[in-house]
Amino acid sequence: MQQCSLFWQRANEMQQSLFDVAQAVQDNRQYLATKAQEQRDQFYASLPCPCEGEPKDDNERMILAQWQWLRNHDEKARDRFFLLGYECLRRILWGEKKKRRMFLDEEQDMDAVATAFEYVFRRYSKGKGYYVDKNMIVVLQDGMRHALEYRTKADEELSLDAIKGDYTRQIRHIF
């Protein structure tokens, strides 16, 4: 009987130590996240103002809005930055369509702009101190090129399913 109670006592101690490990891991993750946030804030606080005077073009307006958002945590600057990025991506898409002589309907246009937008602005949410200091338009052009040329595995499977469906419909039509 005494051995049984000793067993349960040890089992409770082991279980308690396991809970302590889980708590320690959680505390460590929280500490590391806080430390990383402090380092990002310190990095962004050290950035000099990117342009002097009034911005002259979209690139300077975007870089200034980016700087205000990242340095001061200004939500209005973030919204202005994202809106300018979206408008520039639409113009870049229009230029790409004209240059490549390609036709996209309105839904494909919106999808390409959304994919490019996500590709470019996802870097800010990763929290590794991402900052563009020279030419934001080139970064947006790279994002649009990625959206127009890169095909995911899901896109390829979808297109294969569409081809299979077309082939099946043609066979059914013949018979």
N, C-alpha and C. Protein backbone atom coordinates (compact mmCIF):
# COMPACT_ATOMS: atom_id res chain seq x y z
N MET A 1 0.82 -1.19 0.00
CA MET A 1 0.00 0.00 0.00
C MET A 1 0.87 1.25 0.00
N GLN A 2 1.94 1.17 0.78
CA GLN A 2 2.83 2.32 0.86
C GLN A 2 3.57 2.52 -0.47
N GLN A 3 3.89 1.42 -1.18
CA GLN A 3 4.54 1.53 -2.48
C GLN A 3 3.61 2.19 -3.49
N CYS A 4 2.34 1.87 -3.42
CA CYS A 4 1.35 2.44 -4.34
C CYS A 4 1.26 3.96 -4.14
N SER A 5 1.21 4.38 -2.89
CA SER A 5 1.12 5.81 -2.62
C SER A 5 2.42 6.52 -3.03
N LEU A 6 3.58 5.87 -2.85
CA LEU A 6 4.85 6.42 -3.28
C LEU A 6 4.87 6.56 -4.82
N PHE A 7 4.31 5.57 -5.51
CA PHE A 7 4.23 5.61 -6.97
C PHE A 7 3.42 6.81 -7.42
N TRP A 8 2.25 7.01 -6.82
CA TRP A 8 1.39 8.13 -7.22
C TRP A 8 2.02 9.47 -6.88
N GLN A 9 2.74 9.50 -5.77
CA GLN A 9 3.43 10.74 -5.41
C GLN A 9 4.48 11.10 -6.47
N ARG A 10 5.26 10.09 -6.88
CA ARG A 10 6.28 10.32 -7.92
C ARG A 10 5.63 10.69 -9.25
N ALA A 11 4.52 10.04 -9.57
CA ALA A 11 3.81 10.34 -10.82
C ALA A 11 3.33 11.79 -10.82
N ASN A 12 2.79 12.25 -9.70
CA ASN A 12 2.35 13.65 -9.59
C ASN A 12 3.53 14.62 -9.72
N GLU A 13 4.67 14.27 -9.12
CA GLU A 13 5.86 15.12 -9.23
C GLU A 13 6.34 15.21 -10.68
N MET A 14 6.34 14.06 -11.37
CA MET A 14 6.77 14.05 -12.77
C MET A 14 5.81 14.86 -13.64
N GLN A 15 4.52 14.70 -13.35
CA GLN A 15 3.53 15.46 -14.13
C GLN A 15 3.71 16.95 -13.88
N GLN A 16 3.95 17.34 -12.65
CA GLN A 16 4.16 18.74 -12.32
C GLN A 16 5.41 19.28 -13.02
N SER A 17 6.48 18.47 -13.07
CA SER A 17 7.69 18.94 -13.74
C SER A 17 7.46 19.07 -15.24
N LEU A 18 6.61 18.21 -15.84
CA LEU A 18 6.28 18.35 -17.25
C LEU A 18 5.53 19.65 -17.51
N PHE A 19 4.61 19.98 -16.63
CA PHE A 19 3.89 21.24 -16.77
C PHE A 19 4.84 22.42 -16.65
N ASP A 20 5.83 22.30 -15.78
CA ASP A 20 6.80 23.37 -15.62
C ASP A 20 7.63 23.55 -16.90
N VAL A 21 7.96 22.46 -17.58
CA VAL A 21 8.71 22.53 -18.82
C VAL A 21 7.88 23.24 -19.89
N ALA A 22 6.61 22.88 -19.99
CA ALA A 22 5.74 23.52 -20.97
C ALA A 22 5.63 25.01 -20.68
N GLN A 23 5.50 25.38 -19.42
CA GLN A 23 5.43 26.79 -19.05
C GLN A 23 6.74 27.49 -19.36
N ALA A 24 7.85 26.82 -19.11
CA ALA A 24 9.15 27.41 -19.41
C ALA A 24 9.32 27.65 -20.92
N VAL A 25 8.87 26.68 -21.72
CA VAL A 25 8.95 26.84 -23.17
C VAL A 25 8.10 28.02 -23.61
N GLN A 26 6.90 28.12 -23.08
CA GLN A 26 6.01 29.22 -23.43
C GLN A 26 6.61 30.56 -23.01
N ASP A 27 7.16 30.61 -21.80
CA ASP A 27 7.81 31.85 -21.34
C ASP A 27 9.00 32.22 -22.22
N ASN A 28 9.78 31.20 -22.63
CA ASN A 28 10.93 31.45 -23.49
C ASN A 28 10.50 32.00 -24.85
N ARG A 29 9.44 31.43 -25.43
CA ARG A 29 8.94 31.92 -26.71
C ARG A 29 8.46 33.36 -26.59
N GLN A 30 7.76 33.66 -25.51
CA GLN A 30 7.27 35.02 -25.31
C GLN A 30 8.44 35.98 -25.14
N TYR A 31 9.46 35.57 -24.40
CA TYR A 31 10.65 36.42 -24.20
C TYR A 31 11.34 36.68 -25.53
N LEU A 32 11.50 35.63 -26.35
CA LEU A 32 12.17 35.79 -27.65
C LEU A 32 11.36 36.69 -28.58
N ALA A 33 10.04 36.55 -28.58
CA ALA A 33 9.19 37.40 -29.41
C ALA A 33 9.30 38.86 -28.97
N THR A 34 9.32 39.10 -27.67
CA THR A 34 9.46 40.45 -27.14
C THR A 34 10.81 41.03 -27.52
N LYS A 35 11.84 40.22 -27.40
CA LYS A 35 13.20 40.67 -27.74
C LYS A 35 13.30 40.99 -29.23
N ALA A 36 12.72 40.15 -30.07
CA ALA A 36 12.73 40.40 -31.51
C ALA A 36 11.98 41.69 -31.84
N GLN A 37 10.84 41.92 -31.18
CA GLN A 37 10.07 43.14 -31.41
C GLN A 37 10.88 44.37 -30.99
N GLU A 38 11.59 44.28 -29.88
CA GLU A 38 12.43 45.39 -29.43
C GLU A 38 13.54 45.68 -30.44
N GLN A 39 14.15 44.61 -30.98
CA GLN A 39 15.21 44.79 -31.97
C GLN A 39 14.67 45.42 -33.25
N ARG A 40 13.47 44.98 -33.70
CA ARG A 40 12.87 45.58 -34.89
C ARG A 40 12.57 47.06 -34.65
N ASP A 41 12.00 47.36 -33.49
CA ASP A 41 11.68 48.76 -33.18
C ASP A 41 12.95 49.61 -33.13
N GLN A 42 14.01 49.04 -32.58
CA GLN A 42 15.28 49.76 -32.51
C GLN A 42 15.84 49.98 -33.92
N PHE A 43 15.72 48.96 -34.78
CA PHE A 43 16.18 49.09 -36.17
C PHE A 43 15.40 50.17 -36.90
N TYR A 44 14.07 50.13 -36.79
CA TYR A 44 13.25 51.10 -37.49
C TYR A 44 13.43 52.51 -36.93
N ALA A 45 13.70 52.62 -35.63
CA ALA A 45 13.91 53.94 -35.03
C ALA A 45 15.21 54.57 -35.52
N SER A 46 16.16 53.74 -35.93
CA SER A 46 17.45 54.26 -36.39
C SER A 46 17.43 54.70 -37.85
N LEU A 47 16.34 54.43 -38.56
CA LEU A 47 16.28 54.78 -39.98
C LEU A 47 16.14 56.29 -40.15
N PRO A 48 16.95 56.88 -41.03
CA PRO A 48 16.81 58.32 -41.28
C PRO A 48 15.60 58.59 -42.17
N CYS A 49 15.12 59.81 -42.15
CA CYS A 49 13.99 60.19 -43.00
C CYS A 49 14.42 60.04 -44.47
N PRO A 50 13.65 59.30 -45.27
CA PRO A 50 14.09 58.97 -46.62
C PRO A 50 14.09 60.12 -47.61
N CYS A 51 13.25 61.10 -47.42
CA CYS A 51 13.22 62.19 -48.41
C CYS A 51 13.06 63.52 -47.67
N GLU A 52 13.66 64.51 -48.27
CA GLU A 52 13.58 65.84 -47.69
C GLU A 52 12.57 66.66 -48.47
N GLY A 53 11.76 67.39 -47.75
CA GLY A 53 10.73 68.18 -48.40
C GLY A 53 9.54 67.33 -48.79
N GLU A 54 8.79 67.83 -49.73
CA GLU A 54 7.58 67.15 -50.19
C GLU A 54 7.96 66.05 -51.20
N PRO A 55 7.37 64.86 -51.07
CA PRO A 55 7.68 63.80 -52.06
C PRO A 55 7.22 64.21 -53.46
N LYS A 56 8.03 63.85 -54.46
CA LYS A 56 7.76 64.29 -55.83
C LYS A 56 6.98 63.27 -56.66
N ASP A 57 7.16 61.98 -56.37
CA ASP A 57 6.50 60.96 -57.18
C ASP A 57 5.98 59.83 -56.28
N ASP A 58 5.36 58.84 -56.91
CA ASP A 58 4.78 57.73 -56.14
C ASP A 58 5.83 56.97 -55.35
N ASN A 59 7.00 56.78 -55.92
CA ASN A 59 8.06 56.06 -55.22
C ASN A 59 8.41 56.77 -53.91
N GLU A 60 8.62 58.07 -53.96
CA GLU A 60 8.96 58.82 -52.75
C GLU A 60 7.80 58.84 -51.76
N ARG A 61 6.56 58.94 -52.27
CA ARG A 61 5.40 58.91 -51.37
C ARG A 61 5.30 57.57 -50.66
N MET A 62 5.56 56.49 -51.40
CA MET A 62 5.49 55.16 -50.78
C MET A 62 6.59 54.96 -49.75
N ILE A 63 7.80 55.39 -50.08
CA ILE A 63 8.91 55.21 -49.15
C ILE A 63 8.70 56.05 -47.90
N LEU A 64 8.16 57.25 -48.05
CA LEU A 64 7.87 58.09 -46.89
C LEU A 64 6.76 57.47 -46.03
N ALA A 65 5.70 56.97 -46.66
CA ALA A 65 4.62 56.32 -45.91
C ALA A 65 5.12 55.07 -45.21
N GLN A 66 5.98 54.30 -45.89
CA GLN A 66 6.58 53.11 -45.27
C GLN A 66 7.39 53.50 -44.04
N TRP A 67 8.20 54.55 -44.17
CA TRP A 67 9.03 55.00 -43.06
C TRP A 67 8.16 55.45 -41.88
N GLN A 68 7.11 56.25 -42.16
CA GLN A 68 6.22 56.71 -41.08
C GLN A 68 5.52 55.54 -40.40
N TRP A 69 5.10 54.56 -41.19
CA TRP A 69 4.41 53.41 -40.61
C TRP A 69 5.34 52.58 -39.74
N LEU A 70 6.52 52.24 -40.26
CA LEU A 70 7.42 51.36 -39.53
C LEU A 70 8.08 52.06 -38.35
N ARG A 71 8.40 53.31 -38.49
CA ARG A 71 9.09 54.02 -37.41
C ARG A 71 8.13 54.45 -36.31
N ASN A 72 6.98 55.00 -36.69
CA ASN A 72 6.06 55.58 -35.71
C ASN A 72 4.84 54.72 -35.42
N HIS A 73 4.74 53.56 -36.07
CA HIS A 73 3.56 52.69 -35.93
C HIS A 73 2.28 53.45 -36.27
N ASP A 74 2.35 54.26 -37.31
CA ASP A 74 1.23 55.10 -37.74
C ASP A 74 0.33 54.28 -38.67
N GLU A 75 -0.88 53.98 -38.22
CA GLU A 75 -1.80 53.15 -39.01
C GLU A 75 -2.29 53.87 -40.27
N LYS A 76 -2.46 55.18 -40.20
CA LYS A 76 -2.87 55.93 -41.39
C LYS A 76 -1.78 55.88 -42.46
N ALA A 77 -0.54 55.95 -42.04
CA ALA A 77 0.57 55.86 -42.99
C ALA A 77 0.61 54.46 -43.61
N ARG A 78 0.33 53.43 -42.82
CA ARG A 78 0.28 52.07 -43.35
C ARG A 78 -0.81 51.94 -44.40
N ASP A 79 -1.99 52.48 -44.09
CA ASP A 79 -3.09 52.42 -45.06
C ASP A 79 -2.74 53.17 -46.34
N ARG A 80 -2.11 54.34 -46.19
CA ARG A 80 -1.70 55.12 -47.36
C ARG A 80 -0.64 54.35 -48.15
N PHE A 81 0.28 53.70 -47.46
CA PHE A 81 1.33 52.91 -48.10
C PHE A 81 0.72 51.75 -48.89
N PHE A 82 -0.21 51.02 -48.29
CA PHE A 82 -0.84 49.90 -48.98
C PHE A 82 -1.68 50.38 -50.16
N LEU A 83 -2.39 51.48 -50.01
CA LEU A 83 -3.22 52.00 -51.09
C LEU A 83 -2.36 52.46 -52.27
N LEU A 84 -1.27 53.16 -51.99
CA LEU A 84 -0.35 53.56 -53.05
C LEU A 84 0.25 52.34 -53.75
N GLY A 85 0.60 51.34 -52.96
CA GLY A 85 1.14 50.11 -53.54
C GLY A 85 0.14 49.44 -54.46
N TYR A 86 -1.11 49.39 -54.03
CA TYR A 86 -2.17 48.78 -54.85
C TYR A 86 -2.36 49.54 -56.16
N GLU A 87 -2.41 50.87 -56.08
CA GLU A 87 -2.58 51.69 -57.28
C GLU A 87 -1.40 51.52 -58.23
N CYS A 88 -0.19 51.49 -57.70
CA CYS A 88 0.99 51.30 -58.55
C CYS A 88 0.99 49.92 -59.20
N LEU A 89 0.56 48.91 -58.46
CA LEU A 89 0.49 47.56 -59.03
C LEU A 89 -0.51 47.51 -60.18
N ARG A 90 -1.62 48.23 -60.06
CA ARG A 90 -2.60 48.25 -61.16
C ARG A 90 -2.00 48.90 -62.41
N ARG A 91 -1.26 49.99 -62.21
CA ARG A 91 -0.62 50.64 -63.36
C ARG A 91 0.48 49.76 -63.96
N ILE A 92 1.22 49.07 -63.10
CA ILE A 92 2.28 48.17 -63.59
C ILE A 92 1.65 47.03 -64.40
N LEU A 93 0.53 46.50 -63.91
CA LEU A 93 -0.15 45.43 -64.65
C LEU A 93 -0.61 45.94 -66.01
N TRP A 94 -1.15 47.14 -66.07
CA TRP A 94 -1.60 47.71 -67.33
C TRP A 94 -0.42 47.81 -68.31
N GLY A 95 0.72 48.26 -67.82
CA GLY A 95 1.91 48.36 -68.67
C GLY A 95 2.40 47.00 -69.13
N GLU A 96 2.38 46.00 -68.23
CA GLU A 96 2.80 44.65 -68.60
C GLU A 96 1.88 44.05 -69.65
N LYS A 97 0.58 44.27 -69.49
CA LYS A 97 -0.37 43.74 -70.47
C LYS A 97 -0.13 44.38 -71.84
N LYS A 98 0.14 45.65 -71.84
CA LYS A 98 0.39 46.35 -73.10
C LYS A 98 1.70 45.88 -73.73
N LYS A 99 2.74 45.74 -72.92
CA LYS A 99 4.05 45.34 -73.43
C LYS A 99 4.02 43.90 -73.95
N ARG A 100 3.37 43.01 -73.22
CA ARG A 100 3.33 41.60 -73.61
C ARG A 100 2.19 41.26 -74.57
N ARG A 101 1.35 42.24 -74.82
CA ARG A 101 0.17 42.03 -75.67
C ARG A 101 -0.67 40.86 -75.16
N MET A 102 -0.99 40.92 -73.91
CA MET A 102 -1.79 39.87 -73.30
C MET A 102 -3.14 40.43 -72.89
N PHE A 103 -4.12 39.54 -72.85
CA PHE A 103 -5.47 39.94 -72.46
C PHE A 103 -5.84 39.21 -71.18
N LEU A 104 -6.27 39.97 -70.21
CA LEU A 104 -6.80 39.41 -68.96
C LEU A 104 -8.15 40.06 -68.71
N ASP A 105 -9.12 39.26 -68.30
CA ASP A 105 -10.41 39.87 -67.96
C ASP A 105 -10.30 40.53 -66.58
N GLU A 106 -11.36 41.18 -66.15
CA GLU A 106 -11.33 41.96 -64.90
C GLU A 106 -10.99 41.08 -63.70
N GLU A 107 -11.53 39.88 -63.66
CA GLU A 107 -11.26 38.97 -62.53
C GLU A 107 -9.79 38.56 -62.51
N GLN A 108 -9.23 38.26 -63.66
CA GLN A 108 -7.81 37.90 -63.73
C GLN A 108 -6.93 39.09 -63.38
N ASP A 109 -7.34 40.29 -63.78
CA ASP A 109 -6.61 41.50 -63.38
C ASP A 109 -6.56 41.63 -61.86
N MET A 110 -7.72 41.52 -61.26
CA MET A 110 -7.79 41.66 -59.79
C MET A 110 -6.98 40.57 -59.10
N ASP A 111 -7.03 39.35 -59.64
CA ASP A 111 -6.29 38.24 -59.06
C ASP A 111 -4.78 38.48 -59.17
N ALA A 112 -4.31 38.95 -60.32
CA ALA A 112 -2.88 39.22 -60.51
C ALA A 112 -2.41 40.33 -59.57
N VAL A 113 -3.20 41.38 -59.44
CA VAL A 113 -2.82 42.48 -58.55
C VAL A 113 -2.82 42.00 -57.10
N ALA A 114 -3.82 41.22 -56.71
CA ALA A 114 -3.88 40.71 -55.33
C ALA A 114 -2.70 39.78 -55.04
N THR A 115 -2.35 38.92 -55.99
CA THR A 115 -1.21 38.02 -55.79
C THR A 115 0.09 38.79 -55.66
N ALA A 116 0.28 39.78 -56.53
CA ALA A 116 1.49 40.60 -56.46
C ALA A 116 1.54 41.40 -55.15
N PHE A 117 0.39 41.93 -54.75
CA PHE A 117 0.30 42.69 -53.50
C PHE A 117 0.69 41.81 -52.32
N GLU A 118 0.13 40.61 -52.28
CA GLU A 118 0.44 39.69 -51.19
C GLU A 118 1.91 39.30 -51.21
N TYR A 119 2.45 39.04 -52.39
CA TYR A 119 3.85 38.64 -52.52
C TYR A 119 4.79 39.73 -52.00
N VAL A 120 4.50 40.98 -52.32
CA VAL A 120 5.37 42.08 -51.91
C VAL A 120 5.20 42.40 -50.42
N PHE A 121 3.96 42.54 -49.98
CA PHE A 121 3.72 43.05 -48.63
C PHE A 121 3.75 41.96 -47.56
N ARG A 122 3.85 40.69 -47.96
CA ARG A 122 4.00 39.61 -46.99
C ARG A 122 5.32 39.74 -46.23
N ARG A 123 6.30 40.33 -46.86
CA ARG A 123 7.63 40.47 -46.24
C ARG A 123 7.57 41.31 -44.96
N TYR A 124 6.66 42.26 -44.92
CA TYR A 124 6.56 43.11 -43.73
C TYR A 124 5.97 42.35 -42.55
N SER A 125 5.10 41.39 -42.82
CA SER A 125 4.45 40.67 -41.72
C SER A 125 5.35 39.59 -41.14
N LYS A 126 6.42 39.23 -41.83
CA LYS A 126 7.33 38.22 -41.29
C LYS A 126 8.12 38.75 -40.11
N GLY A 127 8.23 40.06 -40.00
CA GLY A 127 8.84 40.67 -38.82
C GLY A 127 10.33 40.52 -38.73
N LYS A 128 11.03 40.59 -39.85
CA LYS A 128 12.48 40.45 -39.80
C LYS A 128 13.19 41.75 -40.15
N GLY A 129 12.52 42.87 -39.99
CA GLY A 129 13.15 44.15 -40.25
C GLY A 129 13.26 44.46 -41.73
N TYR A 130 12.24 44.16 -42.50
CA TYR A 130 12.26 44.43 -43.93
C TYR A 130 11.98 45.90 -44.17
N TYR A 131 12.76 46.51 -45.06
CA TYR A 131 12.61 47.93 -45.36
C TYR A 131 13.19 48.20 -46.75
N VAL A 132 12.46 48.91 -47.59
CA VAL A 132 12.94 49.30 -48.91
C VAL A 132 13.37 50.76 -48.81
N ASP A 133 14.62 51.03 -49.15
CA ASP A 133 15.10 52.39 -48.99
C ASP A 133 15.39 53.10 -50.31
N LYS A 134 15.42 52.40 -51.43
CA LYS A 134 15.76 53.06 -52.70
C LYS A 134 14.58 53.16 -53.65
N ASN A 135 14.14 52.03 -54.21
CA ASN A 135 13.16 52.09 -55.27
C ASN A 135 12.05 51.07 -55.02
N MET A 136 10.96 51.55 -54.52
CA MET A 136 9.81 50.68 -54.22
C MET A 136 9.14 50.21 -55.50
N ILE A 137 9.19 50.99 -56.55
CA ILE A 137 8.54 50.63 -57.81
C ILE A 137 9.17 49.37 -58.38
N VAL A 138 10.49 49.22 -58.28
CA VAL A 138 11.16 48.01 -58.77
C VAL A 138 10.69 46.79 -57.98
N VAL A 139 10.53 46.95 -56.68
CA VAL A 139 10.03 45.85 -55.85
C VAL A 139 8.62 45.46 -56.28
N LEU A 140 7.78 46.44 -56.58
CA LEU A 140 6.42 46.16 -57.05
C LEU A 140 6.44 45.49 -58.42
N GLN A 141 7.35 45.92 -59.30
CA GLN A 141 7.46 45.29 -60.62
C GLN A 141 7.88 43.83 -60.48
N ASP A 142 8.79 43.55 -59.57
CA ASP A 142 9.19 42.16 -59.32
C ASP A 142 8.01 41.34 -58.81
N GLY A 143 7.22 41.94 -57.94
CA GLY A 143 6.03 41.25 -57.44
C GLY A 143 5.03 40.96 -58.55
N MET A 144 4.86 41.91 -59.47
CA MET A 144 3.93 41.68 -60.58
C MET A 144 4.48 40.62 -61.52
N ARG A 145 5.77 40.64 -61.77
CA ARG A 145 6.37 39.60 -62.60
C ARG A 145 6.15 38.22 -61.97
N HIS A 146 6.32 38.15 -60.67
CA HIS A 146 6.08 36.90 -59.95
C HIS A 146 4.62 36.46 -60.11
N ALA A 147 3.70 37.39 -59.99
CA ALA A 147 2.28 37.05 -60.08
C ALA A 147 1.91 36.58 -61.48
N LEU A 148 2.52 37.14 -62.50
CA LEU A 148 2.16 36.78 -63.87
C LEU A 148 2.87 35.53 -64.36
N GLU A 149 4.07 35.26 -63.87
CA GLU A 149 4.86 34.16 -64.42
C GLU A 149 4.92 32.92 -63.54
N TYR A 150 4.84 33.08 -62.25
CA TYR A 150 5.00 31.94 -61.35
C TYR A 150 3.69 31.19 -61.22
N ARG A 151 3.76 29.89 -61.36
CA ARG A 151 2.56 29.06 -61.22
C ARG A 151 2.76 28.13 -60.04
N THR A 152 1.79 28.11 -59.16
CA THR A 152 1.86 27.22 -58.01
C THR A 152 1.41 25.83 -58.41
N LYS A 153 1.66 24.87 -57.56
CA LYS A 153 1.25 23.50 -57.82
C LYS A 153 -0.28 23.41 -57.91
N ALA A 154 -0.96 24.18 -57.07
CA ALA A 154 -2.43 24.18 -57.11
C ALA A 154 -2.94 24.72 -58.44
N ASP A 155 -2.27 25.76 -58.99
CA ASP A 155 -2.66 26.29 -60.29
C ASP A 155 -2.48 25.24 -61.39
N GLU A 156 -1.36 24.52 -61.33
CA GLU A 156 -1.10 23.49 -62.33
C GLU A 156 -2.13 22.37 -62.25
N GLU A 157 -2.45 21.94 -61.03
CA GLU A 157 -3.46 20.89 -60.87
C GLU A 157 -4.82 21.35 -61.36
N LEU A 158 -5.15 22.61 -61.09
CA LEU A 158 -6.42 23.16 -61.54
C LEU A 158 -6.49 23.18 -63.06
N SER A 159 -5.39 23.60 -63.70
CA SER A 159 -5.40 23.64 -65.16
C SER A 159 -5.47 22.23 -65.74
N LEU A 160 -4.82 21.25 -65.12
CA LEU A 160 -4.92 19.87 -65.60
C LEU A 160 -6.33 19.33 -65.44
N ASP A 161 -6.98 19.67 -64.33
CA ASP A 161 -8.37 19.25 -64.14
C ASP A 161 -9.27 19.88 -65.19
N ALA A 162 -9.02 21.13 -65.56
CA ALA A 162 -9.82 21.79 -66.59
C ALA A 162 -9.62 21.11 -67.94
N ILE A 163 -8.37 20.75 -68.25
CA ILE A 163 -8.11 20.05 -69.51
C ILE A 163 -8.81 18.70 -69.52
N LYS A 164 -8.73 17.98 -68.40
CA LYS A 164 -9.40 16.68 -68.31
C LYS A 164 -10.90 16.83 -68.48
N GLY A 165 -11.46 17.86 -67.86
CA GLY A 165 -12.90 18.11 -67.97
C GLY A 165 -13.30 18.44 -69.40
N ASP A 166 -12.51 19.25 -70.10
CA ASP A 166 -12.79 19.58 -71.49
C ASP A 166 -12.73 18.33 -72.36
N TYR A 167 -11.73 17.51 -72.13
CA TYR A 167 -11.57 16.27 -72.91
C TYR A 167 -12.75 15.34 -72.67
N THR A 168 -13.17 15.22 -71.42
CA THR A 168 -14.31 14.36 -71.09
C THR A 168 -15.59 14.87 -71.75
N ARG A 169 -15.80 16.17 -71.74
CA ARG A 169 -16.99 16.74 -72.40
C ARG A 169 -16.96 16.48 -73.90
N GLN A 170 -15.78 16.59 -74.52
CA GLN A 170 -15.69 16.34 -75.96
C GLN A 170 -16.03 14.89 -76.29
N ILE A 171 -15.53 13.97 -75.47
CA ILE A 171 -15.81 12.55 -75.71
C ILE A 171 -17.30 12.29 -75.54
N ARG A 172 -17.92 12.84 -74.51
CA ARG A 172 -19.35 12.64 -74.30
C ARG A 172 -20.16 13.20 -75.45
N HIS A 173 -19.69 14.33 -76.00
CA HIS A 173 -20.40 14.95 -77.13
C HIS A 173 -20.35 14.05 -78.36
N ILE A 174 -19.20 13.38 -78.55
CA ILE A 174 -19.07 12.50 -79.72
C ILE A 174 -19.99 11.30 -79.60
N PHE A 175 -20.08 10.74 -78.40
CA PHE A 175 -20.90 9.54 -78.20
C PHE A 175 -22.25 9.96 -77.75
